[in-house]
């Protein structure tokens, strides 16, 4: 009787292992061709408080925001220009960013700074540059800013990492999807950024996706 029970247990375990092993061995690479995109995240209407909100206009530079390298960036400029105008009219803080080695004067003219707006130099996360603090967080907290609106390029660079960094620092983040652009014609870049921002642990709770026309001042 005992021997029979052992045989049954071994057989059951063998069956389980033979069933489970293929699943355990799979990776996203194995499943890549069969992955189906999830439903698009919901865009929400938002009302902006200009006194506690900042607009970050990030890296809209001639070297990258052009019809050859990022045509979708060029297509986003009219709406971003509209948003900048509304921010200025409402007395909202506007901060521009660039990357090392490229002066802010190389910003595309349609969305270039016209006054004494602050400028931050950073890489993909505008809160840091290498191992140094860019001073952006202090700048925002000194002005009582609680909400950040990041726009610019690249979606998978400055927008993704600065929005995430802002959320991790406790800021509320409003991301207009028509104000961010990826590389070339690869629209999947913008899709995965939007999905990541609204599904990542901790970060998603601080992120609201919207469009520029759904923002009210």
C-alpha atoms as a PDB file:
ATOM      1  CA  UNK A   1       0.000   0.000   0.000  1.00  0.00           C
ATOM      2  CA  UNK A   2       2.752   2.441   0.926  1.00  0.00           C
ATOM      3  CA  UNK A   3       4.632   1.602  -2.254  1.00  0.00           C
ATOM      4  CA  UNK A   4       1.521   2.205  -4.317  1.00  0.00           C
ATOM      5  CA  UNK A   5       1.051   5.633  -2.702  1.00  0.00           C
ATOM      6  CA  UNK A   6       4.655   6.574  -3.461  1.00  0.00           C
ATOM      7  CA  UNK A   7       4.190   5.569  -7.076  1.00  0.00           C
ATOM      8  CA  UNK A   8       1.076   7.739  -7.343  1.00  0.00           C
ATOM      9  CA  UNK A   9       2.825  10.745  -5.762  1.00  0.00           C
ATOM     10  CA  UNK A  10       5.804  10.411  -8.086  1.00  0.00           C
ATOM     11  CA  UNK A  11       3.505  10.120 -11.080  1.00  0.00           C
ATOM     12  CA  UNK A  12       1.544  13.185 -10.022  1.00  0.00           C
ATOM     13  CA  UNK A  13       4.721  15.202  -9.535  1.00  0.00           C
ATOM     14  CA  UNK A  14       6.074  14.080 -12.887  1.00  0.00           C
ATOM     15  CA  UNK A  15       2.873  15.168 -14.585  1.00  0.00           C
ATOM     16  CA  UNK A  16       2.909  18.541 -12.832  1.00  0.00           C
ATOM     17  CA  UNK A  17       6.530  19.216 -13.728  1.00  0.00           C
ATOM     18  CA  UNK A  18       6.053  18.230 -17.339  1.00  0.00           C
ATOM     19  CA  UNK A  19       3.070  20.585 -17.538  1.00  0.00           C
ATOM     20  CA  UNK A  20       4.626  23.515 -15.649  1.00  0.00           C
ATOM     21  CA  UNK A  21       8.132  23.496 -17.133  1.00  0.00           C
ATOM     22  CA  UNK A  22       7.267  25.028 -20.539  1.00  0.00           C
ATOM     23  CA  UNK A  23       5.384  27.911 -18.912  1.00  0.00           C
ATOM     24  CA  UNK A  24       8.190  28.621 -16.477  1.00  0.00           C
ATOM     25  CA  UNK A  25      10.721  28.658 -19.320  1.00  0.00           C
ATOM     26  CA  UNK A  26       8.836  31.238 -21.400  1.00  0.00           C
ATOM     27  CA  UNK A  27       9.951  34.880 -21.627  1.00  0.00           C
ATOM     28  CA  UNK A  28       8.433  37.895 -23.315  1.00  0.00           C
ATOM     29  CA  UNK A  29      10.744  37.180 -26.262  1.00  0.00           C
ATOM     30  CA  UNK A  30       9.040  33.815 -26.741  1.00  0.00           C
ATOM     31  CA  UNK A  31       5.617  35.467 -26.632  1.00  0.00           C
ATOM     32  CA  UNK A  32       6.515  38.641 -28.534  1.00  0.00           C
ATOM     33  CA  UNK A  33       4.590  37.923 -31.731  1.00  0.00           C
ATOM     34  CA  UNK A  34       1.434  36.977 -29.858  1.00  0.00           C
ATOM     35  CA  UNK A  35       1.226  39.955 -27.509  1.00  0.00           C
ATOM     36  CA  UNK A  36      -1.902  42.031 -27.988  1.00  0.00           C
ATOM     37  CA  UNK A  37      -1.869  45.712 -27.096  1.00  0.00           C
ATOM     38  CA  UNK A  38      -4.114  46.557 -24.122  1.00  0.00           C
ATOM     39  CA  UNK A  39      -6.972  49.052 -24.494  1.00  0.00           C
ATOM     40  CA  UNK A  40      -5.740  52.654 -24.597  1.00  0.00           C
ATOM     41  CA  UNK A  41      -5.606  54.422 -21.247  1.00  0.00           C
ATOM     42  CA  UNK A  42      -8.391  56.903 -20.615  1.00  0.00           C
ATOM     43  CA  UNK A  43      -7.688  60.579 -21.235  1.00  0.00           C
ATOM     44  CA  UNK A  44      -9.208  62.794 -18.560  1.00  0.00           C
ATOM     45  CA  UNK A  45     -10.307  66.409 -18.556  1.00  0.00           C
ATOM     46  CA  UNK A  46      -8.322  68.458 -16.063  1.00  0.00           C
ATOM     47  CA  UNK A  47      -8.583  71.923 -14.552  1.00  0.00           C
ATOM     48  CA  UNK A  48      -5.244  73.602 -13.996  1.00  0.00           C
ATOM     49  CA  UNK A  49      -4.381  75.844 -11.055  1.00  0.00           C
ATOM     50  CA  UNK A  50      -1.719  78.177 -12.538  1.00  0.00           C
ATOM     51  CA  UNK A  51      -0.416  79.124  -9.102  1.00  0.00           C
ATOM     52  CA  UNK A  52       0.654  75.601  -8.181  1.00  0.00           C
ATOM     53  CA  UNK A  53       1.444  74.178 -11.627  1.00  0.00           C
ATOM     54  CA  UNK A  54       4.511  74.301 -13.851  1.00  0.00           C
ATOM     55  CA  UNK A  55       4.771  73.629 -17.571  1.00  0.00           C
ATOM     56  CA  UNK A  56       8.027  71.876 -18.485  1.00  0.00           C
ATOM     57  CA  UNK A  57       8.866  72.436 -22.168  1.00  0.00           C
ATOM     58  CA  UNK A  58      11.538  69.842 -22.766  1.00  0.00           C
ATOM     59  CA  UNK A  59      14.203  69.561 -25.436  1.00  0.00           C
ATOM     60  CA  UNK A  60      12.277  70.932 -28.420  1.00  0.00           C
ATOM     61  CA  UNK A  61      15.562  71.547 -30.178  1.00  0.00           C
ATOM     62  CA  UNK A  62      16.299  72.031 -33.863  1.00  0.00           C
ATOM     63  CA  UNK A  63      18.728  69.122 -33.808  1.00  0.00           C
ATOM     64  CA  UNK A  64      16.052  66.568 -32.880  1.00  0.00           C
ATOM     65  CA  UNK A  65      12.652  68.189 -33.415  1.00  0.00           C
ATOM     66  CA  UNK A  66      12.686  68.323 -37.190  1.00  0.00           C
ATOM     67  CA  UNK A  67      10.889  66.699 -40.124  1.00  0.00           C
ATOM     68  CA  UNK A  68      13.711  64.257 -40.829  1.00  0.00           C
ATOM     69  CA  UNK A  69      14.413  62.873 -37.364  1.00  0.00           C
ATOM     70  CA  UNK A  70      11.123  63.351 -35.491  1.00  0.00           C
ATOM     71  CA  UNK A  71       8.272  64.388 -37.768  1.00  0.00           C
ATOM     72  CA  UNK A  72       5.792  63.695 -34.963  1.00  0.00           C
ATOM     73  CA  UNK A  73       7.585  66.311 -32.901  1.00  0.00           C
ATOM     74  CA  UNK A  74       7.040  68.858 -35.659  1.00  0.00           C
ATOM     75  CA  UNK A  75       3.365  67.878 -35.783  1.00  0.00           C
ATOM     76  CA  UNK A  76       3.018  68.496 -32.029  1.00  0.00           C
ATOM     77  CA  UNK A  77       4.400  72.052 -32.107  1.00  0.00           C
ATOM     78  CA  UNK A  78       1.161  73.986 -32.837  1.00  0.00           C
ATOM     79  CA  UNK A  79      -0.615  72.452 -29.831  1.00  0.00           C
ATOM     80  CA  UNK A  80       2.398  72.906 -27.575  1.00  0.00           C
ATOM     81  CA  UNK A  81       2.647  76.551 -28.685  1.00  0.00           C
ATOM     82  CA  UNK A  82      -1.036  76.947 -27.788  1.00  0.00           C
ATOM     83  CA  UNK A  83      -0.419  75.439 -24.362  1.00  0.00           C
ATOM     84  CA  UNK A  84       2.563  77.725 -23.732  1.00  0.00           C
ATOM     85  CA  UNK A  85       0.434  80.740 -24.655  1.00  0.00           C
ATOM     86  CA  UNK A  86      -2.327  79.677 -22.254  1.00  0.00           C
ATOM     87  CA  UNK A  87       0.206  79.102 -19.499  1.00  0.00           C
ATOM     88  CA  UNK A  88       1.702  82.560 -19.970  1.00  0.00           C
ATOM     89  CA  UNK A  89      -1.740  84.169 -20.096  1.00  0.00           C
ATOM     90  CA  UNK A  90      -2.664  82.461 -16.832  1.00  0.00           C
ATOM     91  CA  UNK A  91       0.527  83.529 -15.086  1.00  0.00           C
ATOM     92  CA  UNK A  92       1.736  79.944 -14.803  1.00  0.00           C
ATOM     93  CA  UNK A  93       5.391  79.083 -14.322  1.00  0.00           C
ATOM     94  CA  UNK A  94       7.072  77.822 -17.514  1.00  0.00           C
ATOM     95  CA  UNK A  95      10.471  76.135 -17.451  1.00  0.00           C
ATOM     96  CA  UNK A  96      12.457  75.158 -20.532  1.00  0.00           C
ATOM     97  CA  UNK A  97      15.004  72.382 -20.726  1.00  0.00           C
ATOM     98  CA  UNK A  98      17.854  71.438 -23.000  1.00  0.00           C
ATOM     99  CA  UNK A  99      20.599  68.841 -23.019  1.00  0.00           C
ATOM    100  CA  UNK A 100      24.319  69.290 -22.422  1.00  0.00           C
ATOM    101  CA  UNK A 101      26.218  70.872 -25.303  1.00  0.00           C
ATOM    102  CA  UNK A 102      23.107  72.381 -26.932  1.00  0.00           C
ATOM    103  CA  UNK A 103      22.150  75.962 -25.979  1.00  0.00           C
ATOM    104  CA  UNK A 104      18.538  76.831 -25.262  1.00  0.00           C
ATOM    105  CA  UNK A 105      18.734  79.286 -28.171  1.00  0.00           C
ATOM    106  CA  UNK A 106      18.529  76.229 -30.451  1.00  0.00           C
ATOM    107  CA  UNK A 107      14.914  75.644 -29.402  1.00  0.00           C
ATOM    108  CA  UNK A 108      12.550  75.530 -32.383  1.00  0.00           C
ATOM    109  CA  UNK A 109      11.358  79.163 -32.839  1.00  0.00           C
ATOM    110  CA  UNK A 110       7.629  78.325 -32.673  1.00  0.00           C
ATOM    111  CA  UNK A 111       7.988  77.223 -29.043  1.00  0.00           C
ATOM    112  CA  UNK A 112      11.132  79.054 -27.955  1.00  0.00           C
ATOM    113  CA  UNK A 113      11.348  81.045 -24.710  1.00  0.00           C
ATOM    114  CA  UNK A 114      10.406  84.668 -25.207  1.00  0.00           C
ATOM    115  CA  UNK A 115      11.118  86.075 -21.765  1.00  0.00           C
ATOM    116  CA  UNK A 116      13.174  85.238 -18.745  1.00  0.00           C
ATOM    117  CA  UNK A 117      11.849  81.698 -18.272  1.00  0.00           C
ATOM    118  CA  UNK A 118      14.156  79.474 -16.232  1.00  0.00           C
ATOM    119  CA  UNK A 119      16.241  76.931 -18.138  1.00  0.00           C
ATOM    120  CA  UNK A 120      17.338  73.537 -16.826  1.00  0.00           C
ATOM    121  CA  UNK A 121      20.090  71.481 -18.438  1.00  0.00           C
ATOM    122  CA  UNK A 122      19.700  67.751 -17.926  1.00  0.00           C
ATOM    123  CA  UNK A 123      19.655  64.393 -19.641  1.00  0.00           C
ATOM    124  CA  UNK A 124      16.505  62.256 -19.801  1.00  0.00           C
ATOM    125  CA  UNK A 125      15.625  62.937 -16.148  1.00  0.00           C
ATOM    126  CA  UNK A 126      15.618  66.708 -15.787  1.00  0.00           C
ATOM    127  CA  UNK A 127      16.018  66.484 -12.022  1.00  0.00           C
ATOM    128  CA  UNK A 128      19.564  65.189 -12.348  1.00  0.00           C
ATOM    129  CA  UNK A 129      22.573  65.436 -14.635  1.00  0.00           C
ATOM    130  CA  UNK A 130      25.015  62.625 -14.086  1.00  0.00           C
ATOM    131  CA  UNK A 131      25.481  62.454 -10.329  1.00  0.00           C
ATOM    132  CA  UNK A 132      24.472  66.079  -9.761  1.00  0.00           C
ATOM    133  CA  UNK A 133      21.181  67.757  -8.891  1.00  0.00           C
ATOM    134  CA  UNK A 134      19.985  70.195 -11.569  1.00  0.00           C
ATOM    135  CA  UNK A 135      18.139  72.288  -8.984  1.00  0.00           C
ATOM    136  CA  UNK A 136      14.755  71.655 -10.618  1.00  0.00           C
ATOM    137  CA  UNK A 137      13.121  70.161  -7.535  1.00  0.00           C
ATOM    138  CA  UNK A 138      14.179  73.079  -5.333  1.00  0.00           C
ATOM    139  CA  UNK A 139      13.012  75.537  -7.991  1.00  0.00           C
ATOM    140  CA  UNK A 140       9.553  73.972  -7.985  1.00  0.00           C
ATOM    141  CA  UNK A 141       9.209  73.651  -4.228  1.00  0.00           C
ATOM    142  CA  UNK A 142      10.385  77.224  -3.655  1.00  0.00           C
ATOM    143  CA  UNK A 143       7.480  78.367  -5.874  1.00  0.00           C
ATOM    144  CA  UNK A 144       4.928  76.133  -4.145  1.00  0.00           C
ATOM    145  CA  UNK A 145       4.502  73.933  -7.214  1.00  0.00           C
ATOM    146  CA  UNK A 146       2.582  70.712  -6.631  1.00  0.00           C
ATOM    147  CA  UNK A 147       1.711  69.759 -10.223  1.00  0.00           C
ATOM    148  CA  UNK A 148       4.000  69.241 -13.212  1.00  0.00           C
ATOM    149  CA  UNK A 149       2.977  69.216 -16.888  1.00  0.00           C
ATOM    150  CA  UNK A 150       5.780  67.728 -19.011  1.00  0.00           C
ATOM    151  CA  UNK A 151       5.711  68.171 -22.790  1.00  0.00           C
ATOM    152  CA  UNK A 152       8.390  67.717 -25.405  1.00  0.00           C
ATOM    153  CA  UNK A 153      10.610  65.102 -26.923  1.00  0.00           C
ATOM    154  CA  UNK A 154      11.478  62.366 -26.680  1.00  0.00           C
ATOM    155  CA  UNK A 155       8.459  60.633 -25.215  1.00  0.00           C
ATOM    156  CA  UNK A 156      10.639  57.692 -24.177  1.00  0.00           C
ATOM    157  CA  UNK A 157      13.334  60.026 -22.866  1.00  0.00           C
ATOM    158  CA  UNK A 158      12.598  63.347 -21.194  1.00  0.00           C
ATOM    159  CA  UNK A 159       8.839  62.849 -20.867  1.00  0.00           C
ATOM    160  CA  UNK A 160       8.928  59.304 -19.479  1.00  0.00           C
ATOM    161  CA  UNK A 161      11.807  59.779 -17.075  1.00  0.00           C
ATOM    162  CA  UNK A 162      11.040  63.302 -15.898  1.00  0.00           C
ATOM    163  CA  UNK A 163       7.357  62.500 -15.370  1.00  0.00           C
ATOM    164  CA  UNK A 164       8.325  59.376 -13.418  1.00  0.00           C
ATOM    165  CA  UNK A 165      10.932  61.244 -11.369  1.00  0.00           C
ATOM    166  CA  UNK A 166       8.441  63.999 -10.559  1.00  0.00           C
ATOM    167  CA  UNK A 167       5.855  61.445  -9.424  1.00  0.00           C
ATOM    168  CA  UNK A 168       8.410  59.704  -7.212  1.00  0.00           C
ATOM    169  CA  UNK A 169       9.196  63.081  -5.645  1.00  0.00           C
ATOM    170  CA  UNK A 170       5.554  63.539  -4.689  1.00  0.00           C
ATOM    171  CA  UNK A 171       4.392  65.856  -7.478  1.00  0.00           C
ATOM    172  CA  UNK A 172       1.146  65.308  -9.319  1.00  0.00           C
ATOM    173  CA  UNK A 173       1.901  64.884 -13.028  1.00  0.00           C
ATOM    174  CA  UNK A 174      -0.394  65.715 -15.936  1.00  0.00           C
ATOM    175  CA  UNK A 175       0.805  64.370 -19.279  1.00  0.00           C
ATOM    176  CA  UNK A 176      -0.916  65.567 -22.469  1.00  0.00           C
ATOM    177  CA  UNK A 177      -0.292  62.744 -24.926  1.00  0.00           C
ATOM    178  CA  UNK A 178      -0.442  65.107 -27.902  1.00  0.00           C
ATOM    179  CA  UNK A 179       2.421  67.078 -26.374  1.00  0.00           C
ATOM    180  CA  UNK A 180       4.952  64.238 -26.431  1.00  0.00           C
ATOM    181  CA  UNK A 181       6.683  62.706 -29.432  1.00  0.00           C
ATOM    182  CA  UNK A 182       8.944  59.761 -30.141  1.00  0.00           C
ATOM    183  CA  UNK A 183      11.431  58.941 -32.862  1.00  0.00           C
ATOM    184  CA  UNK A 184      10.550  58.754 -36.533  1.00  0.00           C
ATOM    185  CA  UNK A 185       7.425  56.863 -37.445  1.00  0.00           C
ATOM    186  CA  UNK A 186       7.622  54.402 -34.527  1.00  0.00           C
ATOM    187  CA  UNK A 187       4.300  55.131 -32.856  1.00  0.00           C
ATOM    188  CA  UNK A 188       4.757  52.152 -30.530  1.00  0.00           C
ATOM    189  CA  UNK A 189       7.190  54.327 -28.556  1.00  0.00           C
ATOM    190  CA  UNK A 190       4.454  56.771 -27.582  1.00  0.00           C
ATOM    191  CA  UNK A 191       2.019  53.928 -26.946  1.00  0.00           C
ATOM    192  CA  UNK A 192       4.256  52.144 -24.463  1.00  0.00           C
ATOM    193  CA  UNK A 193       5.139  55.400 -22.692  1.00  0.00           C
ATOM    194  CA  UNK A 194       1.467  56.213 -22.156  1.00  0.00           C
ATOM    195  CA  UNK A 195       0.789  52.675 -20.949  1.00  0.00           C
ATOM    196  CA  UNK A 196       3.810  52.599 -18.648  1.00  0.00           C
ATOM    197  CA  UNK A 197       2.952  55.917 -17.010  1.00  0.00           C
ATOM    198  CA  UNK A 198      -0.519  54.670 -16.143  1.00  0.00           C
ATOM    199  CA  UNK A 199       0.459  51.173 -15.017  1.00  0.00           C
ATOM    200  CA  UNK A 200       3.842  51.443 -13.283  1.00  0.00           C
ATOM    201  CA  UNK A 201       3.845  50.802  -9.510  1.00  0.00           C
ATOM    202  CA  UNK A 202       3.725  53.958  -7.345  1.00  0.00           C
ATOM    203  CA  UNK A 203       4.111  56.255 -10.365  1.00  0.00           C
ATOM    204  CA  UNK A 204       0.697  55.534 -11.896  1.00  0.00           C
ATOM    205  CA  UNK A 205      -1.107  56.860  -8.821  1.00  0.00           C
ATOM    206  CA  UNK A 206       0.367  60.312  -9.460  1.00  0.00           C
ATOM    207  CA  UNK A 207      -0.129  60.427 -13.244  1.00  0.00           C
ATOM    208  CA  UNK A 208      -3.082  61.773 -15.230  1.00  0.00           C
ATOM    209  CA  UNK A 209      -3.159  61.419 -19.006  1.00  0.00           C
ATOM    210  CA  UNK A 210      -4.983  64.078 -20.963  1.00  0.00           C
ATOM    211  CA  UNK A 211      -4.813  66.060 -24.203  1.00  0.00           C
ATOM    212  CA  UNK A 212      -4.066  69.742 -24.582  1.00  0.00           C
ATOM    213  CA  UNK A 213      -7.633  70.504 -25.675  1.00  0.00           C
ATOM    214  CA  UNK A 214      -8.948  68.786 -22.509  1.00  0.00           C
ATOM    215  CA  UNK A 215      -7.023  71.144 -20.201  1.00  0.00           C
ATOM    216  CA  UNK A 216      -8.840  74.112 -18.695  1.00  0.00           C
ATOM    217  CA  UNK A 217      -7.129  77.035 -16.985  1.00  0.00           C
END
